[in-house]
N, C-alpha and C. Protein backbone atom coordinates (compact mmCIF):
# COMPACT_ATOMS: atom_id res chain seq x y z
N SER A 1 -36.78 10.22 -70.94
CA SER A 1 -37.51 9.61 -72.36
C SER A 1 -36.44 7.82 -72.49
N ALA A 2 -37.44 7.23 -72.54
CA ALA A 2 -37.33 5.71 -72.68
C ALA A 2 -36.06 6.21 -74.01
N SER A 3 -36.00 6.96 -74.80
CA SER A 3 -34.85 6.25 -76.66
C SER A 3 -33.80 7.69 -75.60
N GLU A 4 -34.14 8.44 -74.49
CA GLU A 4 -32.70 9.27 -74.47
C GLU A 4 -31.94 7.89 -73.25
N TRP A 5 -32.72 7.30 -72.52
CA TRP A 5 -31.83 6.08 -71.37
C TRP A 5 -31.33 5.20 -72.14
N ARG A 6 -32.30 4.58 -73.29
CA ARG A 6 -31.01 3.43 -74.59
C ARG A 6 -30.21 4.01 -74.75
N ILE A 7 -30.18 5.36 -74.90
CA ILE A 7 -28.30 6.19 -75.32
C ILE A 7 -27.85 6.11 -74.29
N VAL A 8 -28.24 6.73 -73.31
CA VAL A 8 -27.24 6.33 -71.98
C VAL A 8 -26.70 5.28 -72.12
N GLU A 9 -27.85 4.27 -71.82
CA GLU A 9 -27.28 2.88 -71.22
C GLU A 9 -26.41 2.30 -72.05
N ARG A 10 -26.59 2.33 -73.67
CA ARG A 10 -25.09 1.78 -74.63
C ARG A 10 -24.59 2.28 -74.38
N GLY A 11 -24.31 3.62 -73.77
CA GLY A 11 -23.08 4.50 -73.71
C GLY A 11 -22.16 3.99 -71.76
N CYS A 12 -23.13 3.98 -71.56
CA CYS A 12 -22.18 3.60 -69.89
C CYS A 12 -22.09 2.08 -70.58
N ILE A 13 -22.86 1.06 -71.07
CA ILE A 13 -22.34 -0.61 -70.85
C ILE A 13 -20.88 -0.69 -71.96
N GLN A 14 -21.09 0.35 -73.07
CA GLN A 14 -19.91 0.05 -73.87
C GLN A 14 -18.60 1.13 -73.06
N ARG A 15 -18.95 1.53 -72.25
CA ARG A 15 -17.93 2.22 -71.67
C ARG A 15 -17.27 1.31 -70.56
N VAL A 16 -18.08 0.93 -69.92
CA VAL A 16 -17.45 0.11 -68.46
C VAL A 16 -16.93 -1.20 -69.51
N LYS A 17 -17.65 -1.17 -70.09
CA LYS A 17 -16.76 -2.99 -71.02
C LYS A 17 -15.30 -2.43 -71.53
N ALA A 18 -14.99 -1.43 -72.51
CA ALA A 18 -13.64 -0.45 -72.32
C ALA A 18 -13.13 -0.60 -71.24
N LEU A 19 -13.49 -0.13 -70.41
CA LEU A 19 -12.74 -0.25 -69.37
C LEU A 19 -12.02 -1.07 -68.17
N ASN A 20 -12.99 -2.27 -68.21
CA ASN A 20 -13.29 -3.84 -68.24
C ASN A 20 -11.67 -4.25 -68.52
N MET A 21 -11.76 -3.91 -70.06
CA MET A 21 -10.52 -4.76 -71.18
C MET A 21 -9.21 -3.94 -71.10
N PHE A 22 -9.41 -2.25 -70.48
CA PHE A 22 -8.14 -1.82 -70.30
C PHE A 22 -7.25 -2.78 -69.29
N LEU A 23 -8.38 -2.58 -68.11
CA LEU A 23 -7.72 -3.32 -66.92
C LEU A 23 -7.09 -4.58 -66.92
N ALA A 24 -7.96 -5.60 -67.75
CA ALA A 24 -7.36 -6.46 -68.22
C ALA A 24 -6.19 -6.33 -69.41
N ASP A 25 -6.00 -5.61 -69.64
CA ASP A 25 -4.29 -5.67 -70.26
C ASP A 25 -3.71 -5.08 -69.51
N LEU A 26 -3.88 -4.24 -68.16
CA LEU A 26 -2.97 -3.69 -67.69
C LEU A 26 -2.27 -4.40 -66.29
N TYR A 27 -3.47 -5.82 -66.45
CA TYR A 27 -3.10 -6.77 -65.44
C TYR A 27 -2.46 -7.73 -65.81
N HIS A 28 -2.08 -7.67 -67.57
CA HIS A 28 -2.24 -9.38 -68.01
C HIS A 28 -0.70 -8.63 -69.39
N ASP A 29 -1.40 -8.57 -70.33
CA ASP A 29 -0.09 -7.71 -71.17
C ASP A 29 0.14 -6.80 -71.69
N GLN A 30 0.19 -5.92 -70.75
CA GLN A 30 0.76 -4.67 -70.73
C GLN A 30 0.54 -3.65 -72.01
N ARG A 31 -0.27 -4.45 -73.24
CA ARG A 31 0.28 -4.08 -74.15
C ARG A 31 0.17 -2.18 -74.49
N ILE A 32 -0.89 -1.50 -73.85
CA ILE A 32 -0.35 -0.16 -73.99
C ILE A 32 0.00 0.29 -73.25
N ILE A 33 1.01 -0.18 -72.28
CA ILE A 33 1.95 0.62 -71.78
C ILE A 33 3.43 0.15 -72.64
N LYS A 34 3.35 -0.95 -73.65
CA LYS A 34 4.36 -1.26 -74.07
C LYS A 34 4.57 -0.51 -74.93
N ALA A 35 3.12 -0.43 -75.49
CA ALA A 35 3.36 1.11 -77.00
C ALA A 35 3.34 2.71 -76.45
N GLY A 36 3.79 2.66 -75.00
CA GLY A 36 4.14 3.69 -75.07
C GLY A 36 2.52 5.06 -74.56
N ILE A 37 1.87 4.05 -74.60
CA ILE A 37 0.21 5.00 -74.73
C ILE A 37 0.37 5.57 -73.35
N ILE A 38 0.39 5.17 -72.62
CA ILE A 38 0.46 4.85 -70.91
C ILE A 38 2.11 5.30 -70.52
N PRO A 39 2.86 6.22 -69.55
CA PRO A 39 3.85 5.37 -69.35
C PRO A 39 3.61 4.34 -67.69
N ALA A 40 4.74 3.36 -68.27
CA ALA A 40 4.83 2.44 -66.68
C ALA A 40 4.36 2.88 -65.31
N GLU A 41 5.23 4.41 -65.20
CA GLU A 41 5.61 4.56 -63.69
C GLU A 41 4.48 5.19 -63.71
N GLN A 42 3.22 5.53 -64.78
CA GLN A 42 1.90 6.45 -64.23
C GLN A 42 1.00 5.24 -63.83
N VAL A 43 1.14 3.25 -64.06
CA VAL A 43 0.97 2.46 -63.50
C VAL A 43 0.65 2.29 -62.70
N LEU A 44 1.97 1.74 -62.86
CA LEU A 44 2.67 1.04 -61.82
C LEU A 44 2.93 1.81 -60.28
N ALA A 45 3.35 2.98 -60.53
CA ALA A 45 3.18 3.61 -59.02
C ALA A 45 2.02 4.21 -58.53
N ASN A 46 1.11 3.90 -58.92
CA ASN A 46 -0.36 4.44 -58.75
C ASN A 46 -0.90 3.03 -57.18
N GLU A 47 -0.81 4.20 -55.87
CA GLU A 47 -1.55 2.85 -54.80
C GLU A 47 -2.79 2.46 -55.14
N GLN A 48 -3.39 2.60 -56.02
CA GLN A 48 -4.71 2.11 -56.60
C GLN A 48 -4.25 0.75 -57.52
N TYR A 49 -2.95 0.25 -58.22
CA TYR A 49 -2.60 -0.73 -58.86
C TYR A 49 -2.21 -1.55 -57.95
N GLN A 50 -3.12 -3.06 -58.17
CA GLN A 50 -2.77 -3.97 -57.32
C GLN A 50 -1.56 -4.82 -57.81
N LEU A 51 -0.18 -5.06 -57.76
CA LEU A 51 0.47 -6.52 -58.27
C LEU A 51 -0.29 -7.40 -58.04
N ALA A 52 -0.63 -7.72 -56.71
CA ALA A 52 -1.40 -9.52 -56.48
C ALA A 52 -2.26 -9.70 -57.72
N MET A 53 -2.76 -8.71 -58.70
CA MET A 53 -3.40 -9.09 -59.09
C MET A 53 -3.00 -9.68 -61.07
N GLN A 54 -1.73 -9.48 -61.19
CA GLN A 54 -1.07 -9.41 -62.38
C GLN A 54 -1.51 -10.96 -62.28
N GLY A 55 -1.68 -11.18 -63.21
CA GLY A 55 -1.56 -12.40 -64.10
C GLY A 55 -2.74 -13.60 -63.66
N LEU A 56 -3.76 -12.94 -62.98
CA LEU A 56 -4.90 -13.67 -62.77
C LEU A 56 -6.14 -13.70 -63.52
N ASN A 57 -6.30 -14.14 -63.80
CA ASN A 57 -7.95 -14.68 -64.64
C ASN A 57 -9.10 -14.60 -64.23
N LEU A 58 -9.99 -13.69 -64.19
CA LEU A 58 -10.55 -13.15 -63.64
C LEU A 58 -12.33 -13.84 -64.50
N HIS A 59 -13.03 -14.14 -64.40
CA HIS A 59 -14.08 -14.65 -65.10
C HIS A 59 -14.89 -13.22 -65.64
N ARG A 60 -14.74 -13.49 -66.55
CA ARG A 60 -15.16 -12.57 -67.77
C ARG A 60 -14.76 -11.55 -67.67
N ASP A 61 -13.31 -11.81 -67.59
CA ASP A 61 -12.14 -10.23 -67.42
C ASP A 61 -13.49 -9.03 -66.48
N LEU A 62 -13.72 -9.83 -65.69
CA LEU A 62 -14.52 -8.61 -64.93
C LEU A 62 -13.78 -8.42 -64.06
N TYR A 63 -13.56 -6.80 -64.01
CA TYR A 63 -12.91 -6.53 -62.90
C TYR A 63 -13.48 -5.55 -62.44
N SER A 64 -14.28 -4.26 -62.90
CA SER A 64 -15.22 -3.04 -62.39
C SER A 64 -16.42 -4.19 -61.78
N HIS A 65 -16.87 -4.32 -60.97
CA HIS A 65 -18.08 -4.85 -60.33
C HIS A 65 -19.44 -4.09 -60.32
N VAL A 66 -18.62 -3.00 -59.44
CA VAL A 66 -20.03 -1.20 -59.30
C VAL A 66 -19.03 -0.20 -60.46
N SER A 67 -19.35 0.37 -61.31
CA SER A 67 -18.80 1.52 -62.05
C SER A 67 -20.12 2.72 -61.85
N GLY A 68 -19.52 3.93 -61.84
CA GLY A 68 -20.15 4.95 -61.52
C GLY A 68 -19.49 5.50 -62.98
N VAL A 69 -19.89 6.12 -63.48
CA VAL A 69 -20.16 6.71 -64.83
C VAL A 69 -21.22 8.44 -64.61
N ASP A 70 -20.40 9.32 -64.18
CA ASP A 70 -20.72 10.41 -64.21
C ASP A 70 -20.83 11.14 -65.45
N LEU A 71 -22.44 11.82 -65.80
CA LEU A 71 -22.31 12.49 -66.78
C LEU A 71 -22.91 13.80 -66.55
N VAL A 72 -22.70 14.77 -67.79
CA VAL A 72 -23.48 15.88 -67.29
C VAL A 72 -23.66 16.50 -69.00
N ARG A 73 -24.65 16.43 -69.05
CA ARG A 73 -25.63 17.65 -70.36
C ARG A 73 -25.93 18.32 -70.70
N ASP A 74 -24.72 18.72 -71.86
CA ASP A 74 -25.04 20.71 -71.84
C ASP A 74 -26.03 21.07 -72.59
N GLY A 75 -26.39 22.03 -72.97
CA GLY A 75 -27.73 22.94 -73.36
C GLY A 75 -28.34 22.28 -74.25
N ASP A 76 -27.02 21.86 -75.13
CA ASP A 76 -27.54 21.30 -76.58
C ASP A 76 -28.97 19.90 -76.57
N GLY A 77 -28.36 19.16 -74.88
CA GLY A 77 -28.63 17.71 -74.62
C GLY A 77 -27.49 16.78 -75.38
N THR A 78 -26.45 16.94 -75.08
CA THR A 78 -25.47 16.29 -75.55
C THR A 78 -24.72 15.99 -74.22
N TYR A 79 -24.30 14.89 -74.25
CA TYR A 79 -24.41 13.67 -72.87
C TYR A 79 -22.20 13.78 -73.06
N TYR A 80 -22.00 14.03 -72.05
CA TYR A 80 -20.17 14.23 -71.58
C TYR A 80 -19.89 13.29 -70.65
N VAL A 81 -19.02 12.50 -70.50
CA VAL A 81 -18.76 12.16 -69.30
C VAL A 81 -17.58 12.78 -68.42
N LEU A 82 -18.03 12.87 -67.36
CA LEU A 82 -16.75 13.81 -66.31
C LEU A 82 -15.98 12.94 -65.11
N GLU A 83 -16.52 11.36 -65.18
CA GLU A 83 -14.75 10.85 -64.92
C GLU A 83 -16.18 8.93 -64.60
N ASP A 84 -14.80 8.71 -64.37
CA ASP A 84 -15.36 7.40 -64.54
C ASP A 84 -14.98 7.14 -62.89
N ASN A 85 -15.78 6.40 -62.19
CA ASN A 85 -15.83 5.57 -60.77
C ASN A 85 -15.34 3.99 -60.77
N LEU A 86 -14.60 3.58 -60.61
CA LEU A 86 -14.46 1.94 -60.61
C LEU A 86 -14.20 1.35 -59.26
N ARG A 87 -14.25 2.41 -57.80
CA ARG A 87 -14.07 1.73 -56.26
C ARG A 87 -15.17 2.14 -55.87
N THR A 88 -14.49 1.74 -54.95
CA THR A 88 -16.19 1.30 -53.97
C THR A 88 -17.39 3.27 -54.32
N PRO A 89 -18.59 2.89 -54.42
CA PRO A 89 -19.32 4.47 -53.98
C PRO A 89 -19.51 5.20 -53.05
N SER A 90 -19.55 5.96 -53.22
CA SER A 90 -19.69 6.92 -51.82
C SER A 90 -20.90 7.13 -51.25
N GLY A 91 -20.95 6.34 -49.93
CA GLY A 91 -22.33 6.34 -49.14
C GLY A 91 -22.41 4.91 -48.77
N VAL A 92 -21.30 3.71 -49.70
CA VAL A 92 -21.95 2.76 -49.18
C VAL A 92 -21.76 2.06 -47.92
N SER A 93 -20.71 2.52 -47.03
CA SER A 93 -20.13 2.16 -45.69
C SER A 93 -21.06 2.94 -44.90
N TYR A 94 -21.84 4.15 -45.46
CA TYR A 94 -23.22 4.20 -44.63
C TYR A 94 -24.10 3.58 -43.82
N MET A 95 -24.56 2.81 -44.67
CA MET A 95 -25.40 1.72 -43.94
C MET A 95 -24.69 0.62 -42.84
N LEU A 96 -23.75 0.51 -42.94
CA LEU A 96 -22.78 -0.15 -41.77
C LEU A 96 -22.50 0.03 -40.90
N GLU A 97 -21.88 1.39 -41.09
CA GLU A 97 -21.69 2.31 -40.54
C GLU A 97 -23.40 2.88 -38.86
N ASP A 98 -24.47 3.09 -39.52
CA ASP A 98 -25.78 3.06 -39.04
C ASP A 98 -26.39 1.84 -38.26
N ARG A 99 -25.90 0.89 -38.42
CA ARG A 99 -26.15 -0.67 -37.94
C ARG A 99 -25.62 -0.32 -36.06
């Protein structure tokens, strides 16, 4: 329904905004690492972490242009996030492959 969609939409917008803020912190001040919330090696050793992005100021701090928030809904109607995908979505390359 439209009212259910508004709830999901608001939640997804809020979540993607928080993820972009998280990425902005990782590539700039790294407060989350300095506070000991996330170990530095967990971030810096990750193959997806791009050292070349450190210190770059992006327009509106927008790091994720395409985000996939995988949702499930339980029997009571409550939505839960299974995972967040901030990489190229599955299937995007299929259209190029078919050319």
